Protein backbone atom coordinates (compact mmCIF):
# COMPACT_ATOMS: atom_id res chain seq x y z
CA GLN A 1 -19.60 7.33 -2.16
CA GLY A 2 -23.36 6.98 -1.89
CA ILE A 3 -23.85 7.58 -5.65
CA HIS A 4 -25.92 5.27 -7.82
CA PRO A 5 -23.61 3.37 -10.22
CA SER A 6 -25.66 4.43 -13.25
CA ILE A 7 -24.91 8.12 -12.71
CA ARG A 8 -22.37 9.50 -15.12
CA LEU A 9 -19.99 11.58 -13.03
CA PRO A 10 -17.53 14.14 -14.35
CA ILE A 11 -13.88 13.22 -13.92
CA LEU A 12 -12.41 15.37 -11.15
CA TYR A 13 -8.67 16.09 -10.81
CA PRO A 14 -7.58 15.90 -8.08
CA PRO A 15 -10.08 13.26 -6.83
CA LEU A 16 -10.68 15.25 -3.61
CA LEU A 17 -11.03 18.86 -4.63
CA THR A 18 -9.13 21.19 -2.37
CA PRO A 19 -10.10 24.90 -2.41
CA LEU A 20 -7.25 27.03 -3.59
CA GLU A 21 -5.56 30.35 -3.09
CA THR A 22 -6.96 33.27 -5.06
CA MET A 23 -5.11 33.81 -8.31
CA GLY A 24 -5.77 36.37 -10.98
CA ALA A 25 -6.18 35.73 -14.69
CA SER A 26 -2.96 34.01 -15.64
CA SER A 27 -1.28 32.03 -18.38
CA ILE A 28 -2.06 28.35 -18.69
CA HIS A 29 0.86 25.91 -18.63
CA LEU A 30 0.75 22.87 -20.93
CA GLY A 31 3.94 20.90 -20.29
CA GLU A 32 6.80 23.25 -21.18
CA HIS A 33 4.59 25.40 -23.41
CA LYS A 34 2.70 28.51 -22.33
CA ARG A 35 -0.57 29.68 -23.87
CA THR A 36 -2.63 32.71 -22.94
CA ASN A 37 -6.39 32.46 -22.48
CA ASP A 38 -6.92 34.31 -25.80
CA GLN A 39 -4.77 31.79 -27.67
CA VAL A 40 -6.67 28.89 -26.11
CA ARG A 41 -9.96 30.36 -27.28
CA GLN A 42 -8.65 30.79 -30.83
CA SER A 43 -7.52 27.16 -31.24
CA VAL A 44 -8.92 24.19 -29.36
CA CYS A 45 -6.02 22.36 -27.72
CA GLU A 46 -5.99 18.61 -27.34
CA ILE A 47 -4.66 17.54 -23.93
CA THR A 48 -3.87 14.09 -22.64
CA LEU A 49 -5.28 12.86 -19.35
CA GLU A 50 -1.72 12.42 -18.15
CA GLU A 51 -1.13 16.15 -18.66
CA VAL A 52 -4.33 16.95 -16.80
CA SER A 53 -3.24 14.76 -13.89
CA HIS A 54 -0.16 16.94 -13.42
CA HIS A 55 -2.33 19.92 -12.45
CA ARG A 56 -3.12 18.93 -8.89
CA SER A 57 -1.24 21.50 -6.86
CA THR A 58 -2.76 23.99 -4.47
CA ASP A 59 -2.45 26.77 -7.05
CA ASP A 60 -3.22 24.81 -10.22
CA CYS A 61 -6.26 22.53 -10.46
CA TRP A 62 -7.87 21.14 -13.63
CA ILE A 63 -10.93 18.93 -14.10
CA VAL A 64 -12.46 17.05 -17.04
CA VAL A 65 -16.20 17.27 -17.75
CA ASN A 66 -17.63 15.55 -20.83
CA GLY A 67 -14.25 15.49 -22.53
CA ARG A 68 -13.60 19.19 -21.89
CA VAL A 69 -10.73 20.35 -19.71
CA TYR A 70 -11.29 23.26 -17.32
CA ASP A 71 -8.79 25.12 -15.16
CA ILE A 72 -10.95 25.72 -12.09
CA THR A 73 -8.26 27.29 -9.91
CA ARG A 74 -9.73 30.77 -10.02
CA PHE A 75 -13.28 29.43 -10.00
CA LEU A 76 -12.75 27.59 -6.73
CA ALA A 77 -11.01 30.57 -5.13
CA GLU A 78 -13.26 33.39 -6.31
CA HIS A 79 -16.66 32.08 -7.32
CA PRO A 80 -18.96 31.93 -4.30
CA GLY A 81 -19.66 28.36 -3.38
CA GLY A 82 -17.55 27.10 -6.28
CA ARG A 83 -16.39 24.01 -4.42
CA GLY A 84 -19.91 23.27 -3.24
CA ILE A 85 -21.31 23.57 -6.75
CA LEU A 86 -18.76 21.17 -8.21
CA MET A 87 -19.17 18.66 -5.42
CA LEU A 88 -22.93 18.93 -5.89
CA HIS A 89 -22.44 17.59 -9.41
CA GLY A 90 -20.95 14.42 -8.01
CA GLY A 91 -22.37 14.34 -4.50
CA ARG A 92 -25.24 12.65 -2.76
CA ASP A 93 -27.78 15.21 -4.05
CA CYS A 94 -26.83 14.40 -7.65
CA THR A 95 -29.37 12.77 -10.01
CA ASN A 96 -29.26 11.59 -13.61
CA GLU A 97 -31.58 14.40 -14.62
CA PHE A 98 -29.42 17.00 -12.91
CA LEU A 99 -26.29 15.83 -14.71
CA ASP A 100 -28.04 15.53 -18.09
CA VAL A 101 -29.27 19.11 -17.95
CA HIS A 102 -26.82 20.97 -15.75
CA SER A 103 -23.47 19.17 -15.83
CA GLU A 104 -21.80 22.11 -17.56
CA ASP A 105 -24.17 24.99 -16.90
CA TYR A 106 -22.10 26.45 -14.09
CA LEU A 107 -18.61 26.35 -15.57
CA PRO A 108 -19.32 28.25 -18.83
CA ALA A 109 -21.64 30.66 -16.99
CA PHE A 110 -19.56 31.38 -13.90
CA ALA A 111 -16.01 30.55 -15.00
CA PRO A 112 -15.92 31.90 -18.56
CA ASP A 113 -12.11 31.80 -18.73
CA ALA A 114 -11.74 28.28 -17.36
CA PHE A 115 -11.89 26.28 -20.61
CA VAL A 116 -8.41 24.95 -21.52
CA GLY A 117 -9.06 22.42 -24.27
CA ILE A 118 -10.42 18.96 -24.98
CA VAL A 119 -9.17 15.54 -24.01
CA ALA A 120 -7.07 14.13 -26.86
CA GLY A 121 -9.10 11.75 -28.98
CA SER A 122 -12.42 12.54 -27.27
CA GLY A 123 -13.88 14.47 -30.21
CA ALA A 124 -15.47 16.88 -27.73
CA SER A 125 -16.49 20.35 -28.90
CA PRO A 126 -15.81 23.65 -27.12
CA PRO A 127 -18.29 24.56 -24.38
CA PRO A 128 -21.40 26.59 -25.22
CA LYS A 129 -21.18 30.36 -25.18
CA ARG A 130 -22.34 32.32 -22.16
CA PRO A 131 -25.96 33.48 -22.10
CA PRO A 132 -26.66 36.82 -23.86
CA GLY A 133 -26.10 39.73 -21.50
CA ALA A 134 -24.16 37.69 -18.93
CA GLY A 135 -22.27 39.99 -16.59
CA PRO A 136 -19.28 39.88 -14.22
CA VAL A 137 -19.22 36.97 -11.79
CA TYR A 138 -16.25 37.77 -9.55
CA PHE A 139 -17.83 40.11 -7.00
CA ASP A 140 -16.67 39.55 -3.44
CA SER A 141 -17.77 40.70 0.00
CA GLU A 142 -15.97 44.02 -0.38
CA SER A 143 -16.79 44.90 -3.98
CA VAL A 144 -20.55 44.53 -3.41
CA LEU A 145 -20.38 47.55 -1.07
CA ALA A 146 -20.67 51.11 -2.35
CA LEU A 147 -18.57 52.60 0.48
CA LYS A 148 -15.06 51.31 1.05
CA ARG A 149 -14.50 50.08 4.59
CA ASP A 150 -11.81 52.02 6.44
CA ILE A 151 -11.46 50.40 9.85
CA TYR A 152 -8.60 48.06 8.93
CA ASN A 153 -4.99 48.98 8.14
CA GLU A 154 -2.21 47.12 6.32
CA LYS A 155 -1.31 45.03 9.37
CA HIS A 156 -4.91 43.91 9.73
CA GLU A 157 -5.12 42.96 6.06
CA ALA A 158 -1.85 41.02 6.30
CA PHE A 159 -3.36 39.12 9.25
CA ARG A 160 -6.52 38.49 7.18
CA SER A 161 -4.45 37.13 4.29
CA GLN A 162 -2.62 34.71 6.59
CA LEU A 163 -5.88 33.62 8.21
CA ARG A 164 -7.56 33.09 4.83
CA SER A 165 -4.66 30.95 3.67
CA PHE A 166 -4.82 28.91 6.88
CA PHE A 167 -8.56 28.28 6.50
CA ARG A 168 -8.21 27.24 2.87
CA LYS A 169 -5.40 24.82 3.61
CA ARG A 170 -6.46 23.46 6.99
CA LEU A 171 -10.21 24.03 7.41
CA TRP A 172 -11.77 23.57 3.98
CA PRO A 173 -10.57 19.99 3.48
CA GLN A 174 -12.12 19.00 6.84
CA TYR A 175 -15.23 21.16 6.93
CA THR A 176 -17.61 18.59 5.44
CA LYS A 177 -16.36 16.05 7.99
CA PHE A 178 -17.02 18.50 10.82
CA GLU A 179 -20.56 19.14 9.57
CA THR A 180 -21.25 15.41 9.27
CA LYS A 181 -19.90 14.68 12.77
CA GLY A 182 -21.71 17.67 14.22
CA THR A 183 -18.60 18.96 15.91
CA VAL A 184 -15.15 20.36 15.17
CA ASP A 185 -12.18 18.20 16.10
CA PRO A 186 -10.41 19.71 19.15
CA SER A 187 -7.14 19.13 17.30
CA PHE A 188 -8.18 21.74 14.73
CA TYR A 189 -8.70 24.36 17.44
CA ALA A 190 -5.27 23.46 18.84
CA GLU A 191 -3.77 23.91 15.38
CA MET A 192 -5.62 27.19 14.97
CA ALA A 193 -4.26 28.36 18.33
CA GLN A 194 -0.69 27.53 17.40
CA ALA A 195 -1.13 29.53 14.19
CA GLY A 196 -2.24 32.50 16.33
CA PHE A 197 -5.91 32.62 15.36
CA TYR A 198 -7.62 30.99 18.36
CA LEU A 199 -7.23 32.14 22.00
CA ARG A 200 -3.50 32.92 21.74
CA LEU A 201 -4.12 36.12 19.81
CA ASN A 202 -5.56 37.73 22.98
CA ILE A 203 -3.54 35.90 25.64
CA PRO A 204 -0.96 38.27 27.18
CA GLU A 205 2.62 37.87 26.00
CA SER A 206 3.69 37.22 29.59
CA PHE A 207 1.74 33.95 29.39
CA GLY A 208 3.03 32.99 25.93
CA GLY A 209 0.29 34.54 23.80
CA LEU A 210 0.44 37.17 21.07
CA GLY A 211 -0.98 39.87 23.34
CA LEU A 212 -3.12 41.52 20.64
CA GLU A 213 -5.34 44.04 22.41
CA ASP A 214 -6.80 45.45 19.19
CA TRP A 215 -10.18 43.72 18.85
CA ARG A 216 -10.20 44.31 15.11
CA TYR A 217 -8.10 41.16 14.77
CA ASN A 218 -10.88 39.21 16.46
CA ALA A 219 -13.40 40.76 14.09
CA ILE A 220 -11.36 39.55 11.11
CA VAL A 221 -11.57 35.96 12.39
CA CYS A 222 -15.37 36.27 12.58
CA GLU A 223 -15.57 37.77 9.08
CA GLU A 224 -13.30 35.26 7.38
CA LEU A 225 -15.19 32.25 8.70
CA GLU A 226 -18.24 33.62 6.89
CA ASN A 227 -16.27 34.68 3.80
CA GLN A 228 -14.93 31.14 3.47
CA ASP A 229 -18.38 29.54 3.84
CA CYS A 230 -17.42 27.97 7.18
CA GLY A 231 -19.77 29.95 9.41
CA SER A 232 -20.73 27.08 11.68
CA VAL A 233 -17.19 26.77 13.08
CA PHE A 234 -17.65 28.61 16.38
CA ALA A 235 -14.12 29.95 16.92
CA ASN A 236 -15.46 33.26 18.23
CA LEU A 237 -17.04 31.38 21.14
CA GLY A 238 -13.58 30.95 22.61
CA ASN A 239 -12.05 34.17 21.30
CA ASP A 240 -14.83 36.61 22.15
CA MET A 241 -17.28 34.97 24.54
CA VAL A 242 -15.24 32.92 27.02
CA LEU A 243 -11.56 33.91 27.01
CA SER A 244 -12.26 37.30 28.63
CA TYR A 245 -13.42 35.59 31.82
CA PHE A 246 -9.90 34.16 32.17
CA THR A 247 -7.88 37.15 30.97
CA GLU A 248 -9.91 39.98 32.56
CA SER A 249 -11.99 38.59 35.45
CA CYS A 250 -9.50 36.16 36.99
CA HIS A 251 -6.92 37.21 39.54
CA GLU A 252 -3.24 36.78 38.68
CA ASP A 253 -2.85 33.44 40.47
CA GLN A 254 -6.02 32.17 38.80
CA ARG A 255 -4.78 33.20 35.36
CA ALA A 256 -1.51 31.37 35.95
CA LEU A 257 -3.51 28.20 36.61
CA TRP A 258 -5.38 28.26 33.30
CA MET A 259 -3.12 30.00 30.78
CA PRO A 260 -0.91 27.01 29.86
CA ARG A 261 -3.99 25.04 28.78
CA LEU A 262 -5.53 27.98 26.98
CA ASN A 263 -2.27 28.77 25.22
CA ARG A 264 -2.20 25.34 23.59
CA GLY A 265 -5.76 25.82 22.29
CA ALA A 266 -7.94 23.98 24.81
CA VAL A 267 -11.59 24.16 23.74
CA ILE A 268 -13.52 26.37 26.17
CA ALA A 269 -17.22 27.01 26.63
CA VAL A 270 -19.54 29.03 28.84
CA ALA A 271 -22.67 27.60 30.48
CA MET A 272 -25.22 30.26 31.43
CA SER A 273 -28.63 29.22 30.04
CA GLU A 274 -30.75 26.57 31.73
CA PRO A 275 -33.83 24.60 30.64
CA GLU A 276 -36.05 27.07 32.52
CA VAL A 277 -33.80 30.13 32.14
CA GLY A 278 -32.78 31.56 28.79
CA SER A 279 -32.01 35.26 28.59
CA ASP A 280 -33.04 35.90 32.22
CA LEU A 281 -29.64 35.23 33.77
CA GLY A 282 -30.53 36.76 37.12
CA HIS A 283 -32.73 33.83 38.12
CA LEU A 284 -30.57 30.72 37.88
CA ALA A 285 -31.49 27.32 39.33
CA CYS A 286 -27.99 25.81 39.29
CA GLN A 287 -26.87 25.67 42.92
CA ALA A 288 -23.36 25.53 44.39
CA LYS A 289 -23.32 24.60 48.07
CA PRO A 290 -20.19 24.77 50.24
CA ALA A 291 -18.16 21.56 50.20
CA PRO A 292 -18.10 19.63 53.50
CA ASP A 293 -14.35 20.23 53.90
CA GLY A 294 -14.72 23.96 53.17
CA ASP A 295 -12.65 23.86 49.96
CA GLY A 296 -14.97 24.92 47.17
CA TRP A 297 -18.48 23.83 46.31
CA VAL A 298 -20.68 20.94 45.34
CA VAL A 299 -22.56 21.98 42.19
CA ASN A 300 -25.91 20.62 41.06
CA GLY A 301 -27.96 21.69 38.06
CA ARG A 302 -28.47 21.54 34.32
CA LYS A 303 -27.19 23.84 31.60
CA MET A 304 -28.99 24.07 28.25
CA TRP A 305 -27.99 25.15 24.71
CA ILE A 306 -24.27 24.97 25.49
CA SER A 307 -22.14 25.38 22.36
CA SER A 308 -19.04 23.14 22.22
CA GLY A 309 -20.19 21.49 25.43
CA ALA A 310 -19.39 18.00 24.16
CA ILE A 311 -15.75 18.79 23.37
CA ALA A 312 -14.91 21.56 25.83
CA GLU A 313 -12.00 20.95 28.17
CA LEU A 314 -12.95 23.88 30.42
CA VAL A 315 -16.49 25.21 30.95
CA VAL A 316 -17.24 28.47 32.77
CA VAL A 317 -20.44 27.70 34.71
CA SER A 318 -22.72 30.30 36.28
CA CYS A 319 -24.26 29.10 39.55
CA VAL A 320 -25.85 30.40 42.74
CA THR A 321 -23.48 30.36 45.70
CA ASN A 322 -25.68 32.55 47.95
CA PRO A 323 -29.44 32.01 47.34
CA SER A 324 -30.44 34.89 49.63
CA ALA A 325 -28.45 37.54 47.74
CA GLY A 326 -30.32 37.52 44.41
CA SER A 327 -28.11 38.37 41.43
CA LYS A 328 -25.31 39.25 43.86
CA GLY A 329 -25.25 35.62 44.94
CA ILE A 330 -24.21 34.36 41.48
CA SER A 331 -20.64 33.16 40.98
CA LEU A 332 -18.67 31.71 38.07
CA VAL A 333 -16.64 28.52 38.43
CA VAL A 334 -14.55 26.51 35.98
CA VAL A 335 -15.76 22.94 35.59
CA GLU A 336 -13.21 20.67 33.95
CA ALA A 337 -13.99 17.80 31.60
CA GLY A 338 -13.70 14.54 33.48
CA MET A 339 -14.85 15.85 36.85
CA GLU A 340 -17.01 13.25 38.54
CA GLY A 341 -20.73 13.98 38.05
CA PHE A 342 -20.19 16.33 35.08
CA SER A 343 -21.46 15.05 31.73
CA CYS A 344 -22.98 15.90 28.38
CA ALA A 345 -26.44 14.41 28.77
CA LYS A 346 -27.63 15.14 25.23
CA ARG A 347 -26.44 16.61 21.95
CA PHE A 348 -29.17 18.41 20.04
CA GLY A 349 -29.81 18.23 16.32
CA LYS A 350 -30.22 21.74 14.90
CA LEU A 351 -31.56 23.44 11.78
CA GLY A 352 -28.16 25.01 11.13
CA LYS A 353 -24.65 25.47 12.57
CA HIS A 354 -24.04 21.79 11.87
CA ALA A 355 -20.29 21.87 12.55
CA SER A 356 -20.83 23.02 16.15
CA ASP A 357 -22.26 20.81 18.87
CA THR A 358 -24.98 22.17 21.16
CA CYS A 359 -25.61 20.28 24.38
CA LEU A 360 -27.47 19.75 27.60
CA LEU A 361 -24.89 19.54 30.40
CA THR A 362 -25.69 17.99 33.75
CA LEU A 363 -23.89 18.62 37.03
CA ASN A 364 -24.68 15.95 39.60
CA SER A 365 -22.86 16.74 42.86
CA VAL A 366 -19.79 17.96 41.01
CA ARG A 367 -17.00 18.84 43.43
CA VAL A 368 -15.39 22.13 42.29
CA PRO A 369 -12.37 23.34 44.31
CA ARG A 370 -12.11 26.98 45.34
CA ARG A 371 -9.13 27.53 43.04
CA ASN A 372 -11.56 27.08 40.11
CA LEU A 373 -13.49 30.23 41.05
CA ILE A 374 -13.46 33.01 38.44
CA GLY A 375 -12.52 36.24 40.18
CA ASP A 376 -14.46 36.82 43.41
CA GLU A 377 -17.44 35.00 44.84
CA GLY A 378 -20.78 36.74 44.20
CA MET A 379 -19.43 38.71 41.22
CA GLY A 380 -20.63 36.32 38.50
CA PHE A 381 -23.59 38.37 37.31
CA ILE A 382 -21.45 41.51 37.08
CA TYR A 383 -18.79 39.65 35.11
CA MET A 384 -21.41 38.32 32.69
CA MET A 385 -22.89 41.77 32.12
CA LYS A 386 -19.39 43.17 31.57
CA HIS A 387 -18.45 40.67 28.88
CA LEU A 388 -21.80 40.26 27.09
CA PRO A 389 -21.41 43.42 24.92
CA LYS A 390 -18.28 41.94 23.32
CA GLU A 391 -20.11 38.65 22.77
CA ARG A 392 -23.02 40.44 21.12
CA LEU A 393 -20.81 42.50 18.87
CA SER A 394 -18.98 39.33 17.83
CA ILE A 395 -22.32 37.87 16.75
CA ALA A 396 -23.11 41.10 14.89
CA VAL A 397 -19.77 41.05 13.05
CA GLY A 398 -20.37 37.48 11.88
CA SER A 399 -23.91 38.27 10.75
CA ALA A 400 -22.86 41.41 8.89
CA ALA A 401 -20.17 39.38 7.10
CA ALA A 402 -22.69 36.65 6.28
CA ALA A 403 -25.06 39.29 4.84
CA ARG A 404 -22.30 40.57 2.56
CA ARG A 405 -21.52 37.00 1.57
CA ALA A 406 -25.16 36.25 0.76
CA LEU A 407 -25.40 39.39 -1.36
CA THR A 408 -22.21 38.36 -3.17
CA LEU A 409 -23.54 34.87 -3.84
CA ALA A 410 -26.77 36.20 -5.31
CA THR A 411 -25.13 38.96 -7.36
CA ASN A 412 -22.73 36.57 -9.07
CA TYR A 413 -25.47 34.01 -9.57
CA VAL A 414 -27.94 36.28 -11.35
CA HIS A 415 -25.18 37.62 -13.62
CA GLY A 416 -24.63 34.12 -15.01
CA ARG A 417 -27.94 32.28 -14.63
CA ALA A 418 -29.66 31.83 -18.00
CA ALA A 419 -33.35 32.77 -17.99
CA PHE A 420 -35.92 34.11 -20.46
CA GLY A 421 -33.48 34.33 -23.35
CA GLY A 422 -30.88 36.22 -21.32
CA VAL A 423 -29.72 36.12 -17.72
CA LEU A 424 -31.70 36.46 -14.54
CA GLY A 425 -29.92 39.70 -13.66
CA ASN A 426 -31.40 41.45 -16.72
CA LEU A 427 -34.82 41.47 -15.06
CA GLN A 428 -35.63 44.82 -13.48
CA SER A 429 -37.36 43.15 -10.52
CA VAL A 430 -34.15 41.28 -9.70
CA GLN A 431 -32.02 44.41 -10.07
CA MET A 432 -34.30 46.42 -7.78
CA LYS A 433 -34.35 43.63 -5.19
CA LEU A 434 -30.55 43.42 -5.09
CA ALA A 435 -30.18 47.20 -5.03
CA GLY A 436 -32.43 47.35 -1.97
CA LEU A 437 -30.54 44.53 -0.27
CA ARG A 438 -27.25 46.23 -1.09
CA THR A 439 -28.46 49.38 0.66
CA GLU A 440 -29.46 47.42 3.76
CA VAL A 441 -26.15 45.56 3.87
CA GLN A 442 -24.18 48.78 3.44
CA SER A 443 -26.05 50.51 6.28
CA CYS A 444 -25.60 47.49 8.54
CA THR A 445 -21.88 47.29 7.72
CA CYS A 446 -21.33 50.96 8.56
CA PHE A 447 -23.03 50.65 11.95
CA VAL A 448 -21.20 47.46 12.89
CA ASP A 449 -17.86 48.87 11.72
CA ARG A 450 -18.33 51.88 14.01
CA CYS A 451 -18.97 49.49 16.91
CA ILE A 452 -15.84 47.50 16.01
CA SER A 453 -13.82 50.70 16.18
CA ASP A 454 -15.42 51.64 19.51
CA LEU A 455 -14.63 48.25 21.05
CA ALA A 456 -11.05 48.44 19.78
CA ALA A 457 -10.81 51.85 21.48
CA GLY A 458 -12.44 50.60 24.68
CA SER A 459 -15.52 52.82 24.35
CA LEU A 460 -18.27 50.45 23.16
CA SER A 461 -21.49 50.89 25.15
CA ALA A 462 -23.77 48.00 26.09
CA GLU A 463 -26.72 49.53 24.26
CA ALA A 464 -24.70 50.08 21.06
CA ALA A 465 -23.58 46.42 21.15
CA SER A 466 -27.19 45.30 21.62
CA MET A 467 -28.36 47.52 18.76
CA ALA A 468 -25.61 46.15 16.51
CA LYS A 469 -26.50 42.55 17.39
CA CYS A 470 -30.19 43.13 16.71
CA LEU A 471 -29.63 45.13 13.52
CA ALA A 472 -27.07 42.77 11.96
CA THR A 473 -28.84 39.51 12.74
CA GLU A 474 -32.23 40.76 11.52
CA CYS A 475 -30.62 42.24 8.41
CA CYS A 476 -28.67 39.09 7.62
CA PHE A 477 -31.60 36.72 7.89
CA HIS A 478 -33.74 38.98 5.70
CA VAL A 479 -30.94 39.30 3.12
CA ALA A 480 -30.19 35.57 3.13
CA ASP A 481 -33.88 34.72 2.72
CA SER A 482 -34.30 37.17 -0.17
CA CYS A 483 -31.11 35.95 -1.88
CA LEU A 484 -32.09 32.30 -1.48
CA GLN A 485 -35.30 33.13 -3.36
CA LEU A 486 -33.24 34.27 -6.35
CA PHE A 487 -31.51 30.87 -6.48
CA GLY A 488 -34.83 29.07 -6.84
CA GLY A 489 -34.69 25.34 -6.16
CA TYR A 490 -30.89 25.31 -6.06
CA GLY A 491 -30.96 27.60 -3.05
CA TYR A 492 -33.11 25.17 -1.10
CA LEU A 493 -30.70 22.25 -1.46
CA LYS A 494 -29.03 21.43 1.86
CA ASN A 495 -25.56 21.64 0.28
CA SER A 496 -26.28 25.06 -1.22
CA PRO A 497 -23.95 27.77 0.17
CA ILE A 498 -26.79 30.30 0.31
CA GLY A 499 -29.01 27.74 2.00
CA LYS A 500 -26.38 27.15 4.67
CA ILE A 501 -26.18 30.88 5.40
CA TRP A 502 -29.95 31.04 5.71
CA ALA A 503 -30.06 28.09 8.13
CA ASP A 504 -26.98 29.10 10.13
CA GLN A 505 -28.11 32.68 10.63
CA ARG A 506 -31.57 31.93 12.01
CA VAL A 507 -30.22 31.18 15.47
CA THR A 508 -28.26 34.43 15.72
CA ARG A 509 -31.50 36.28 16.52
CA ILE A 510 -31.87 33.99 19.56
CA TYR A 511 -28.49 33.29 21.14
CA GLY A 512 -26.38 35.89 22.89
CA GLY A 513 -29.66 37.16 24.34
CA SER A 514 -32.76 37.19 22.13
CA ASN A 515 -33.29 40.25 19.97
CA GLU A 516 -36.31 41.21 22.02
CA VAL A 517 -33.99 41.58 25.03
CA GLN A 518 -31.56 43.62 22.92
CA LEU A 519 -34.35 46.04 22.03
CA GLU A 520 -35.21 46.40 25.72
CA ILE A 521 -31.59 47.34 26.42
CA ALA A 522 -31.70 49.90 23.61
CA ALA A 523 -34.97 51.31 24.97
CA ARG A 524 -33.40 51.95 28.37
CA GLY A 525 -31.17 54.53 26.69
CA LEU A 526 -34.35 56.45 25.95
CA GLY A 527 -35.35 56.44 29.61
CA PHE A 528 -37.77 53.48 29.50
CA GLN A 529 -38.00 50.61 31.95
CA PRO A 530 -39.00 47.20 30.52
CA GLN A 531 -42.68 46.56 31.18
CA ARG A 532 -41.94 42.97 32.26
CA PHE A 533 -40.39 44.40 35.45
CA ARG A 534 -43.89 45.53 36.45
CA SER A 535 -45.90 42.75 34.83
CA LYS A 536 -47.64 40.05 36.88
CA LEU A 537 -47.43 37.53 33.99
């Protein structure tokens, strides 16, 4: 679709490539016969297209390129961006020149054990040998670290394995569609909830949830979205940034009102920022005046940069209910989709995070009943300050995972990329660059892991969360930018996995409170007061 008819495309089996479960080096099945990889290399097998077409399952996928048959099961599961690279060969960024020069560069270089044989009667020859000095290409986000992470136990890893399988089966096939639409289908979040990975994992068992109080499970969700190259799906918005207002700040009768909808995976959002108010949440313009009949409020205002605002069923809105009380006059109310006067006025195009919508919401005399109040009136600012550290750590966890992913992408790439008579990774300048990045990523991971453990134990401080958010987001963008440089022109393509990390991670230094604000919070721990409190600017 969208490809010029003169372009010679490789034959792909199955037609729509589906990413697969990780599988180790294994035997290759040809009909009833079984050949090891060594035997295949010793004698070139001739395989019919009918035989190739039989290898379409989720754990066995073959393709044909220029008459050569490749088993790309392991490549898709283990090689970073493997699916993106293959789709790039036949996607909208493809050109005749690209195919002529690079149609088989990646498979021999990055999937050296993938060659199975040739199509019967094609007369094709075996693929070219790997470049001299080519190294290992199956590093992952854990093996690039020098220090083994120790914050997760066997139960956590079992949860991770189930989540990874769910993403590969249910998210990967739809991810391109979500990016193109600019939003995730609400039905996917509902499916994710039923599987126990969205909202329900933290909803108390008394309300039908899983009741997981160990925040390390939430951290795994953040990490795996990045590990699976799906970082613009904003599941942690609901899990870590909004759900707590319902589970921790609501009274029992209020929780009973919302839990059935949350338990089925209703998309939820939080609306704090305004066109004139970003990180300064103590000076809101959104006003909530008492309703004429005394039941609730009439809300007027605009909310800016609201993630999932276009698809959210419930939005927690910060508003001023008592203008004379300053920050103590701020309350939180739940505005429901479909309420008269509540609308998504505009969806913004963004540099990254293309699978998540970001909106301007308008509230024009929206009638909000008193039962939709979160907790107590006038406590909104306190609730926001209470829950923001978890939100900021969630951002830090995702950025630290994205940094490890970027380092993995670049490490595998330079081990296989032919250059100057060898491979790119043989150059000392490249080795020193990656060694330095590895050190930064390791240090960042250790700090963030300590904060994850603290939050799981209920002892995370606001300043530690701010430091983690600032450290991880700055680290990740620097690492992603440096790694993209190693990919050259391929890294700058919009479908490039490393390019997506670079674009997606730029905003993390802004949302959740800009990093400049996070540094002010950290400075307070040293006894300083922000100068802006005394400035006349």
